[in-house]
Amino acid sequence: AVARAYQAAPRAALGIYNFTGDVGKAAVPAATALALTVLPWREV
């Protein structure tokens, strides 16, 4: 979807898209670890 939307310059747009994946790798596990301090893992 990103490559087609930015067909004139897909590498730059896909660079941003790939960067968001690293944001998720950092943010979601960190938020999960924080939630586990107050909730059981099943509720998390």
All heavy atoms as atom14 arrays in JSON, in Angstrom:
{
  "sequence": "AVARAYQAAPRAALGIYNFTGDVGKAAVPAATALALTVLPWREV",
  "atom14_mask": [
    [1, 1, 1, 1, 1, 0, 0, 0, 0, 0, 0, 0, 0, 0],
    [1, 1, 1, 1, 1, 1, 1, 0, 0, 0, 0, 0, 0, 0],
    [1, 1, 1, 1, 1, 0, 0, 0, 0, 0, 0, 0, 0, 0],
    [1, 1, 1, 1, 1, 1, 1, 1, 1, 1, 1, 0, 0, 0],
    [1, 1, 1, 1, 1, 0, 0, 0, 0, 0, 0, 0, 0, 0],
    [1, 1, 1, 1, 1, 1, 1, 1, 1, 1, 1, 1, 0, 0],
    [1, 1, 1, 1, 1, 1, 1, 1, 1, 0, 0, 0, 0, 0],
    [1, 1, 1, 1, 1, 0, 0, 0, 0, 0, 0, 0, 0, 0],
    [1, 1, 1, 1, 1, 0, 0, 0, 0, 0, 0, 0, 0, 0],
    [1, 1, 1, 1, 1, 1, 1, 0, 0, 0, 0, 0, 0, 0],
    [1, 1, 1, 1, 1, 1, 1, 1, 1, 1, 1, 0, 0, 0],
    [1, 1, 1, 1, 1, 0, 0, 0, 0, 0, 0, 0, 0, 0],
    [1, 1, 1, 1, 1, 0, 0, 0, 0, 0, 0, 0, 0, 0],
    [1, 1, 1, 1, 1, 1, 1, 1, 0, 0, 0, 0, 0, 0],
    [1, 1, 1, 1, 0, 0, 0, 0, 0, 0, 0, 0, 0, 0],
    [1, 1, 1, 1, 1, 1, 1, 1, 0, 0, 0, 0, 0, 0],
    [1, 1, 1, 1, 1, 1, 1, 1, 1, 1, 1, 1, 0, 0],
    [1, 1, 1, 1, 1, 1, 1, 1, 0, 0, 0, 0, 0, 0],
    [1, 1, 1, 1, 1, 1, 1, 1, 1, 1, 1, 0, 0, 0],
    [1, 1, 1, 1, 1, 1, 1, 0, 0, 0, 0, 0, 0, 0],
    [1, 1, 1, 1, 0, 0, 0, 0, 0, 0, 0, 0, 0, 0],
    [1, 1, 1, 1, 1, 1, 1, 1, 0, 0, 0, 0, 0, 0],
    [1, 1, 1, 1, 1, 1, 1, 0, 0, 0, 0, 0, 0, 0],
    [1, 1, 1, 1, 0, 0, 0, 0, 0, 0, 0, 0, 0, 0],
    [1, 1, 1, 1, 1, 1, 1, 1, 1, 0, 0, 0, 0, 0],
    [1, 1, 1, 1, 1, 0, 0, 0, 0, 0, 0, 0, 0, 0],
    [1, 1, 1, 1, 1, 0, 0, 0, 0, 0, 0, 0, 0, 0],
    [1, 1, 1, 1, 1, 1, 1, 0, 0, 0, 0, 0, 0, 0],
    [1, 1, 1, 1, 1, 1, 1, 0, 0, 0, 0, 0, 0, 0],
    [1, 1, 1, 1, 1, 0, 0, 0, 0, 0, 0, 0, 0, 0],
    [1, 1, 1, 1, 1, 0, 0, 0, 0, 0, 0, 0, 0, 0],
    [1, 1, 1, 1, 1, 1, 1, 0, 0, 0, 0, 0, 0, 0],
    [1, 1, 1, 1, 1, 0, 0, 0, 0, 0, 0, 0, 0, 0],
    [1, 1, 1, 1, 1, 1, 1, 1, 0, 0, 0, 0, 0, 0],
    [1, 1, 1, 1, 1, 0, 0, 0, 0, 0, 0, 0, 0, 0],
    [1, 1, 1, 1, 1, 1, 1, 1, 0, 0, 0, 0, 0, 0],
    [1, 1, 1, 1, 1, 1, 1, 0, 0, 0, 0, 0, 0, 0],
    [1, 1, 1, 1, 1, 1, 1, 0, 0, 0, 0, 0, 0, 0],
    [1, 1, 1, 1, 1, 1, 1, 1, 0, 0, 0, 0, 0, 0],
    [1, 1, 1, 1, 1, 1, 1, 0, 0, 0, 0, 0, 0, 0],
    [1, 1, 1, 1, 1, 1, 1, 1, 1, 1, 1, 1, 1, 1],
    [1, 1, 1, 1, 1, 1, 1, 1, 1, 1, 1, 0, 0, 0],
    [1, 1, 1, 1, 1, 1, 1, 1, 1, 0, 0, 0, 0, 0],
    [1, 1, 1, 1, 1, 1, 1, 0, 0, 0, 0, 0, 0, 0]
  ],
  "atom14_positions": [
    [[0.83, -1.21, 0.0], [0.0, 0.0, 0.0], [0.86, 1.25, 0.0], [0.59, 2.22, -0.73], [-0.93, -0.01, 1.22], [0.0, 0.0, 0.0], [0.0, 0.0, 0.0], [0.0, 0.0, 0.0], [0.0, 0.0, 0.0], [0.0, 0.0, 0.0], [0.0, 0.0, 0.0], [0.0, 0.0, 0.0], [0.0, 0.0, 0.0], [0.0, 0.0, 0.0]],
    [[1.92, 1.27, 0.82], [2.8, 2.43, 0.88], [3.54, 2.6, -0.44], [3.67, 3.71, -0.97], [3.79, 2.3, 2.06], [4.83, 3.41, 2.02], [3.04, 2.33, 3.38], [0.0, 0.0, 0.0], [0.0, 0.0, 0.0], [0.0, 0.0, 0.0], [0.0, 0.0, 0.0], [0.0, 0.0, 0.0], [0.0, 0.0, 0.0], [0.0, 0.0, 0.0]],
    [[4.04, 1.5, -1.0], [4.79, 1.58, -2.26], [3.91, 2.12, -3.38], [4.37, 2.91, -4.22], [5.33, 0.21, -2.63], [0.0, 0.0, 0.0], [0.0, 0.0, 0.0], [0.0, 0.0, 0.0], [0.0, 0.0, 0.0], [0.0, 0.0, 0.0], [0.0, 0.0, 0.0], [0.0, 0.0, 0.0], [0.0, 0.0, 0.0], [0.0, 0.0, 0.0]],
    [[2.66, 1.73, -3.42], [1.76, 2.2, -4.47], [1.36, 3.66, -4.25], [1.21, 4.41, -5.21], [0.53, 1.31, -4.53], [0.81, -0.03, -5.19], [-0.36, -0.97, -5.09], [-0.12, -2.16, -5.91], [-0.78, -3.29, -5.78], [-1.7, -3.4, -4.85], [-0.51, -4.31, -6.55], [0.0, 0.0, 0.0], [0.0, 0.0, 0.0], [0.0, 0.0, 0.0]],
    [[1.15, 4.04, -3.0], [0.76, 5.42, -2.74], [1.89, 6.39, -3.08], [1.64, 7.5, -3.53], [0.34, 5.57, -1.28], [0.0, 0.0, 0.0], [0.0, 0.0, 0.0], [0.0, 0.0, 0.0], [0.0, 0.0, 0.0], [0.0, 0.0, 0.0], [0.0, 0.0, 0.0], [0.0, 0.0, 0.0], [0.0, 0.0, 0.0], [0.0, 0.0, 0.0]],
    [[3.14, 5.95, -2.85], [4.3, 6.81, -3.08], [5.14, 6.25, -4.23], [6.35, 6.1, -4.11], [5.15, 6.9, -1.81], [4.5, 7.66, -0.69], [3.69, 7.01, 0.22], [4.7, 9.03, -0.55], [3.08, 7.7, 1.26], [4.1, 9.73, 0.48], [3.3, 9.06, 1.38], [2.7, 9.75, 2.42], [0.0, 0.0, 0.0], [0.0, 0.0, 0.0]],
    [[4.5, 5.96, -5.36], [5.23, 5.3, -6.43], [6.37, 6.15, -6.98], [7.33, 5.62, -7.53], [4.3, 4.93, -7.58], [3.77, 6.12, -8.37], [2.32, 6.37, -8.1], [1.54, 5.45, -8.1], [1.95, 7.6, -7.88], [0.0, 0.0, 0.0], [0.0, 0.0, 0.0], [0.0, 0.0, 0.0], [0.0, 0.0, 0.0], [0.0, 0.0, 0.0]],
    [[6.3, 7.47, -6.86], [7.39, 8.32, -7.37], [8.64, 8.21, -6.52], [9.75, 8.44, -7.0], [6.94, 9.77, -7.45], [0.0, 0.0, 0.0], [0.0, 0.0, 0.0], [0.0, 0.0, 0.0], [0.0, 0.0, 0.0], [0.0, 0.0, 0.0], [0.0, 0.0, 0.0], [0.0, 0.0, 0.0], [0.0, 0.0, 0.0], [0.0, 0.0, 0.0]],
    [[8.49, 7.88, -5.25], [9.63, 7.8, -4.34], [9.33, 6.79, -3.24], [9.19, 7.15, -2.08], [9.92, 9.18, -3.74], [0.0, 0.0, 0.0], [0.0, 0.0, 0.0], [0.0, 0.0, 0.0], [0.0, 0.0, 0.0], [0.0, 0.0, 0.0], [0.0, 0.0, 0.0], [0.0, 0.0, 0.0], [0.0, 0.0, 0.0], [0.0, 0.0, 0.0]],
    [[9.23, 5.5, -3.56], [8.81, 4.52, -2.56], [9.83, 4.27, -1.46], [9.45, 3.94, -0.34], [8.56, 3.25, -3.38], [9.41, 3.41, -4.6], [9.41, 4.88, -4.89], [0.0, 0.0, 0.0], [0.0, 0.0, 0.0], [0.0, 0.0, 0.0], [0.0, 0.0, 0.0], [0.0, 0.0, 0.0], [0.0, 0.0, 0.0], [0.0, 0.0, 0.0]],
    [[11.14, 4.4, -1.76], [12.12, 4.06, -0.74], [12.02, 4.98, 0.47], [12.14, 4.54, 1.61], [13.53, 4.12, -1.34], [13.81, 3.04, -2.37], [15.28, 2.96, -2.71], [15.5, 2.0, -3.78], [15.79, 2.32, -5.04], [15.9, 3.59, -5.38], [15.96, 1.39, -5.94], [0.0, 0.0, 0.0], [0.0, 0.0, 0.0], [0.0, 0.0, 0.0]],
    [[11.84, 6.27, 0.24], [11.75, 7.21, 1.36], [10.52, 6.92, 2.21], [10.58, 6.9, 3.44], [11.72, 8.65, 0.84], [0.0, 0.0, 0.0], [0.0, 0.0, 0.0], [0.0, 0.0, 0.0], [0.0, 0.0, 0.0], [0.0, 0.0, 0.0], [0.0, 0.0, 0.0], [0.0, 0.0, 0.0], [0.0, 0.0, 0.0], [0.0, 0.0, 0.0]],
    [[9.38, 6.69, 1.56], [8.15, 6.39, 2.3], [8.26, 5.07, 3.04], [7.83, 4.95, 4.19], [6.96, 6.37, 1.34], [0.0, 0.0, 0.0], [0.0, 0.0, 0.0], [0.0, 0.0, 0.0], [0.0, 0.0, 0.0], [0.0, 0.0, 0.0], [0.0, 0.0, 0.0], [0.0, 0.0, 0.0], [0.0, 0.0, 0.0], [0.0, 0.0, 0.0]],
    [[8.83, 4.06, 2.4], [9.0, 2.76, 3.06], [10.0, 2.85, 4.2], [9.94, 2.07, 5.16], [9.42, 1.7, 2.06], [8.28, 1.2, 1.15], [8.82, 0.41, -0.02], [7.29, 0.36, 1.94], [0.0, 0.0, 0.0], [0.0, 0.0, 0.0], [0.0, 0.0, 0.0], [0.0, 0.0, 0.0], [0.0, 0.0, 0.0], [0.0, 0.0, 0.0]],
    [[10.94, 3.79, 4.12], [11.84, 4.02, 5.25], [11.08, 4.47, 6.48], [11.34, 4.02, 7.61], [0.0, 0.0, 0.0], [0.0, 0.0, 0.0], [0.0, 0.0, 0.0], [0.0, 0.0, 0.0], [0.0, 0.0, 0.0], [0.0, 0.0, 0.0], [0.0, 0.0, 0.0], [0.0, 0.0, 0.0], [0.0, 0.0, 0.0], [0.0, 0.0, 0.0]],
    [[10.11, 5.38, 6.28], [9.27, 5.82, 7.4], [8.42, 4.66, 7.9], [8.28, 4.45, 9.12], [8.39, 7.0, 6.97], [9.26, 8.23, 6.68], [7.36, 7.34, 8.04], [8.49, 9.43, 6.21], [0.0, 0.0, 0.0], [0.0, 0.0, 0.0], [0.0, 0.0, 0.0], [0.0, 0.0, 0.0], [0.0, 0.0, 0.0], [0.0, 0.0, 0.0]],
    [[7.84, 3.91, 6.97], [7.03, 2.76, 7.36], [7.84, 1.76, 8.18], [7.38, 1.26, 9.21], [6.47, 2.1, 6.1], [5.96, 0.7, 6.29], [4.75, 0.44, 6.92], [6.73, -0.39, 5.87], [4.29, -0.86, 7.1], [6.28, -1.69, 6.04], [5.07, -1.91, 6.66], [4.63, -3.2, 6.85], [0.0, 0.0, 0.0], [0.0, 0.0, 0.0]],
    [[9.06, 1.46, 7.75], [9.91, 0.53, 8.5], [10.29, 1.09, 9.86], [10.41, 0.34, 10.84], [11.17, 0.21, 7.69], [10.89, -0.73, 6.55], [10.05, -1.62, 6.65], [11.56, -0.52, 5.42], [0.0, 0.0, 0.0], [0.0, 0.0, 0.0], [0.0, 0.0, 0.0], [0.0, 0.0, 0.0], [0.0, 0.0, 0.0], [0.0, 0.0, 0.0]],
    [[10.48, 2.39, 9.94], [10.79, 3.02, 11.22], [9.65, 2.81, 12.22], [9.89, 2.59, 13.41], [11.05, 4.51, 11.0], [11.18, 5.32, 12.27], [12.33, 5.26, 13.03], [10.14, 6.13, 12.69], [12.45, 6.0, 14.2], [10.25, 6.86, 13.85], [11.41, 6.8, 14.61], [0.0, 0.0, 0.0], [0.0, 0.0, 0.0], [0.0, 0.0, 0.0]],
    [[8.4, 2.87, 11.76], [7.28, 2.69, 12.68], [7.29, 1.29, 13.29], [6.83, 1.1, 14.42], [5.93, 2.93, 11.97], [5.77, 1.97, 10.9], [5.85, 4.33, 11.4], [0.0, 0.0, 0.0], [0.0, 0.0, 0.0], [0.0, 0.0, 0.0], [0.0, 0.0, 0.0], [0.0, 0.0, 0.0], [0.0, 0.0, 0.0], [0.0, 0.0, 0.0]],
    [[7.79, 0.3, 12.54], [7.9, -1.03, 13.12], [8.82, -1.06, 14.32], [8.53, -1.71, 15.33], [0.0, 0.0, 0.0], [0.0, 0.0, 0.0], [0.0, 0.0, 0.0], [0.0, 0.0, 0.0], [0.0, 0.0, 0.0], [0.0, 0.0, 0.0], [0.0, 0.0, 0.0], [0.0, 0.0, 0.0], [0.0, 0.0, 0.0], [0.0, 0.0, 0.0]],
    [[9.94, -0.34, 14.24], [10.85, -0.27, 15.37], [10.22, 0.46, 16.55], [10.49, 0.15, 17.71], [12.15, 0.43, 14.96], [13.1, -0.51, 14.21], [12.66, -1.62, 13.88], [14.24, -0.12, 13.96], [0.0, 0.0, 0.0], [0.0, 0.0, 0.0], [0.0, 0.0, 0.0], [0.0, 0.0, 0.0], [0.0, 0.0, 0.0], [0.0, 0.0, 0.0]],
    [[9.38, 1.45, 16.25], [8.64, 2.12, 17.33], [7.76, 1.11, 18.06], [7.7, 1.08, 19.29], [7.79, 3.28, 16.77], [6.86, 3.85, 17.84], [8.69, 4.39, 16.21], [0.0, 0.0, 0.0], [0.0, 0.0, 0.0], [0.0, 0.0, 0.0], [0.0, 0.0, 0.0], [0.0, 0.0, 0.0], [0.0, 0.0, 0.0], [0.0, 0.0, 0.0]],
    [[7.08, 0.26, 17.29], [6.23, -0.75, 17.91], [7.01, -1.76, 18.73], [6.58, -2.16, 19.82], [0.0, 0.0, 0.0], [0.0, 0.0, 0.0], [0.0, 0.0, 0.0], [0.0, 0.0, 0.0], [0.0, 0.0, 0.0], [0.0, 0.0, 0.0], [0.0, 0.0, 0.0], [0.0, 0.0, 0.0], [0.0, 0.0, 0.0], [0.0, 0.0, 0.0]],
    [[8.19, -2.15, 18.22], [9.03, -3.11, 18.96], [9.48, -2.55, 20.29], [9.72, -3.3, 21.24], [10.25, -3.47, 18.12], [9.93, -4.31, 16.88], [11.17, -4.55, 16.04], [10.84, -5.34, 14.79], [12.02, -5.57, 13.93], [0.0, 0.0, 0.0], [0.0, 0.0, 0.0], [0.0, 0.0, 0.0], [0.0, 0.0, 0.0], [0.0, 0.0, 0.0]],
    [[9.63, -1.23, 20.37], [10.04, -0.61, 21.63], [8.84, -0.29, 22.52], [8.86, -0.57, 23.72], [10.84, 0.67, 21.34], [0.0, 0.0, 0.0], [0.0, 0.0, 0.0], [0.0, 0.0, 0.0], [0.0, 0.0, 0.0], [0.0, 0.0, 0.0], [0.0, 0.0, 0.0], [0.0, 0.0, 0.0], [0.0, 0.0, 0.0], [0.0, 0.0, 0.0]],
    [[7.79, 0.27, 21.93], [6.69, 0.81, 22.72], [5.77, -0.27, 23.28], [5.4, -0.22, 24.47], [5.89, 1.79, 21.88], [0.0, 0.0, 0.0], [0.0, 0.0, 0.0], [0.0, 0.0, 0.0], [0.0, 0.0, 0.0], [0.0, 0.0, 0.0], [0.0, 0.0, 0.0], [0.0, 0.0, 0.0], [0.0, 0.0, 0.0], [0.0, 0.0, 0.0]],
    [[5.36, -1.24, 22.45], [4.38, -2.22, 22.92], [4.95, -3.14, 24.01], [4.31, -3.34, 25.05], [3.82, -3.03, 21.74], [2.88, -4.13, 22.23], [3.08, -2.1, 20.77], [0.0, 0.0, 0.0], [0.0, 0.0, 0.0], [0.0, 0.0, 0.0], [0.0, 0.0, 0.0], [0.0, 0.0, 0.0], [0.0, 0.0, 0.0], [0.0, 0.0, 0.0]],
    [[6.16, -3.71, 23.84], [6.71, -4.48, 24.96], [6.93, -3.65, 26.22], [6.71, -4.15, 27.33], [8.05, -5.0, 24.4], [7.85, -5.02, 22.92], [7.0, -3.82, 22.63], [0.0, 0.0, 0.0], [0.0, 0.0, 0.0], [0.0, 0.0, 0.0], [0.0, 0.0, 0.0], [0.0, 0.0, 0.0], [0.0, 0.0, 0.0], [0.0, 0.0, 0.0]],
    [[7.36, -2.38, 26.06], [7.56, -1.53, 27.23], [6.23, -1.28, 27.95], [6.15, -1.35, 29.19], [8.2, -0.21, 26.83], [0.0, 0.0, 0.0], [0.0, 0.0, 0.0], [0.0, 0.0, 0.0], [0.0, 0.0, 0.0], [0.0, 0.0, 0.0], [0.0, 0.0, 0.0], [0.0, 0.0, 0.0], [0.0, 0.0, 0.0], [0.0, 0.0, 0.0]],
    [[5.18, -1.0, 27.18], [3.87, -0.78, 27.78], [3.35, -2.06, 28.44], [2.72, -2.03, 29.5], [2.89, -0.29, 26.72], [0.0, 0.0, 0.0], [0.0, 0.0, 0.0], [0.0, 0.0, 0.0], [0.0, 0.0, 0.0], [0.0, 0.0, 0.0], [0.0, 0.0, 0.0], [0.0, 0.0, 0.0], [0.0, 0.0, 0.0], [0.0, 0.0, 0.0]],
    [[3.64, -3.2, 27.8], [3.23, -4.49, 28.38], [3.94, -4.74, 29.7], [3.31, -5.16, 30.69], [3.55, -5.62, 27.4], [2.85, -5.41, 26.17], [3.16, -6.98, 27.97], [0.0, 0.0, 0.0], [0.0, 0.0, 0.0], [0.0, 0.0, 0.0], [0.0, 0.0, 0.0], [0.0, 0.0, 0.0], [0.0, 0.0, 0.0], [0.0, 0.0, 0.0]],
    [[5.24, -4.48, 29.75], [6.0, -4.66, 30.99], [5.46, -3.77, 32.09], [5.36, -4.18, 33.26], [7.48, -4.37, 30.74], [0.0, 0.0, 0.0], [0.0, 0.0, 0.0], [0.0, 0.0, 0.0], [0.0, 0.0, 0.0], [0.0, 0.0, 0.0], [0.0, 0.0, 0.0], [0.0, 0.0, 0.0], [0.0, 0.0, 0.0], [0.0, 0.0, 0.0]],
    [[5.09, -2.54, 31.74], [4.52, -1.62, 32.74], [3.17, -2.12, 33.24], [2.89, -2.1, 34.44], [4.39, -0.23, 32.12], [3.87, 0.88, 33.05], [4.83, 1.09, 34.21], [3.68, 2.18, 32.26], [0.0, 0.0, 0.0], [0.0, 0.0, 0.0], [0.0, 0.0, 0.0], [0.0, 0.0, 0.0], [0.0, 0.0, 0.0], [0.0, 0.0, 0.0]],
    [[2.33, -2.58, 32.32], [1.01, -3.08, 32.71], [1.12, -4.31, 33.6], [0.29, -4.52, 34.49], [0.18, -3.39, 31.46], [0.0, 0.0, 0.0], [0.0, 0.0, 0.0], [0.0, 0.0, 0.0], [0.0, 0.0, 0.0], [0.0, 0.0, 0.0], [0.0, 0.0, 0.0], [0.0, 0.0, 0.0], [0.0, 0.0, 0.0], [0.0, 0.0, 0.0]],
    [[2.15, -5.14, 33.36], [2.31, -6.36, 34.16], [2.68, -6.08, 35.61], [2.6, -6.98, 36.45], [3.39, -7.24, 33.52], [2.99, -7.94, 32.22], [4.19, -8.57, 31.55], [1.91, -8.99, 32.48], [0.0, 0.0, 0.0], [0.0, 0.0, 0.0], [0.0, 0.0, 0.0], [0.0, 0.0, 0.0], [0.0, 0.0, 0.0], [0.0, 0.0, 0.0]],
    [[3.07, -4.86, 35.91], [3.36, -4.52, 37.32], [2.09, -4.34, 38.14], [2.16, -4.37, 39.37], [4.2, -3.23, 37.39], [3.45, -2.14, 36.84], [5.5, -3.4, 36.63], [0.0, 0.0, 0.0], [0.0, 0.0, 0.0], [0.0, 0.0, 0.0], [0.0, 0.0, 0.0], [0.0, 0.0, 0.0], [0.0, 0.0, 0.0], [0.0, 0.0, 0.0]],
    [[0.95, -4.16, 37.46], [-0.3, -3.93, 38.19], [-1.4, -4.92, 37.83], [-2.42, -4.99, 38.53], [-0.82, -2.49, 37.96], [0.15, -1.48, 38.56], [-1.02, -2.21, 36.48], [0.0, 0.0, 0.0], [0.0, 0.0, 0.0], [0.0, 0.0, 0.0], [0.0, 0.0, 0.0], [0.0, 0.0, 0.0], [0.0, 0.0, 0.0], [0.0, 0.0, 0.0]],
    [[-1.22, -5.7, 36.73], [-2.25, -6.63, 36.3], [-1.65, -8.0, 36.03], [-0.48, -8.1, 35.63], [-2.92, -6.12, 35.01], [-3.78, -4.86, 35.11], [-4.19, -4.4, 33.7], [-5.0, -5.09, 35.97], [0.0, 0.0, 0.0], [0.0, 0.0, 0.0], [0.0, 0.0, 0.0], [0.0, 0.0, 0.0], [0.0, 0.0, 0.0], [0.0, 0.0, 0.0]],
    [[-2.44, -9.08, 36.18], [-1.98, -10.41, 35.77], [-1.78, -10.46, 34.26], [-2.41, -9.71, 33.51], [-3.12, -11.34, 36.21], [-3.91, -10.56, 37.21], [-3.76, -9.13, 36.81], [0.0, 0.0, 0.0], [0.0, 0.0, 0.0], [0.0, 0.0, 0.0], [0.0, 0.0, 0.0], [0.0, 0.0, 0.0], [0.0, 0.0, 0.0], [0.0, 0.0, 0.0]],
    [[-0.94, -11.39, 33.79], [-0.61, -11.41, 32.37], [-1.81, -11.72, 31.49], [-1.9, -11.22, 30.36], [0.53, -12.4, 32.1], [0.24, -13.87, 32.29], [0.44, -14.59, 33.41], [-0.3, -14.76, 31.31], [0.06, -15.91, 33.22], [-0.39, -16.03, 31.92], [-0.71, -14.63, 29.99], [-0.88, -17.15, 31.26], [-1.2, -15.75, 29.31], [-1.27, -16.99, 29.96]],
    [[-2.77, -12.5, 31.99], [-3.94, -12.8, 31.17], [-4.78, -11.55, 30.92], [-5.25, -11.31, 29.8], [-4.79, -13.88, 31.85], [-4.19, -15.27, 31.76], [-5.13, -16.32, 32.36], [-4.66, -17.68, 32.09], [-3.75, -18.31, 32.78], [-3.17, -17.7, 33.82], [-3.39, -19.54, 32.46], [0.0, 0.0, 0.0], [0.0, 0.0, 0.0], [0.0, 0.0, 0.0]],
    [[-4.95, -10.73, 31.94], [-5.72, -9.49, 31.75], [-4.98, -8.51, 30.85], [-5.6, -7.77, 30.07], [-6.01, -8.86, 33.11], [-6.94, -9.7, 33.96], [-7.26, -9.03, 35.29], [-6.97, -7.83, 35.44], [-7.8, -9.72, 36.17], [0.0, 0.0, 0.0], [0.0, 0.0, 0.0], [0.0, 0.0, 0.0], [0.0, 0.0, 0.0], [0.0, 0.0, 0.0]],
    [[-3.66, -8.52, 30.92], [-2.88, -7.67, 30.02], [-3.09, -8.1, 28.57], [-3.24, -7.27, 27.66], [-1.38, -7.72, 30.4], [-0.54, -7.0, 29.34], [-1.16, -7.08, 31.76], [0.0, 0.0, 0.0], [0.0, 0.0, 0.0], [0.0, 0.0, 0.0], [0.0, 0.0, 0.0], [0.0, 0.0, 0.0], [0.0, 0.0, 0.0], [0.0, 0.0, 0.0]]
  ]
}
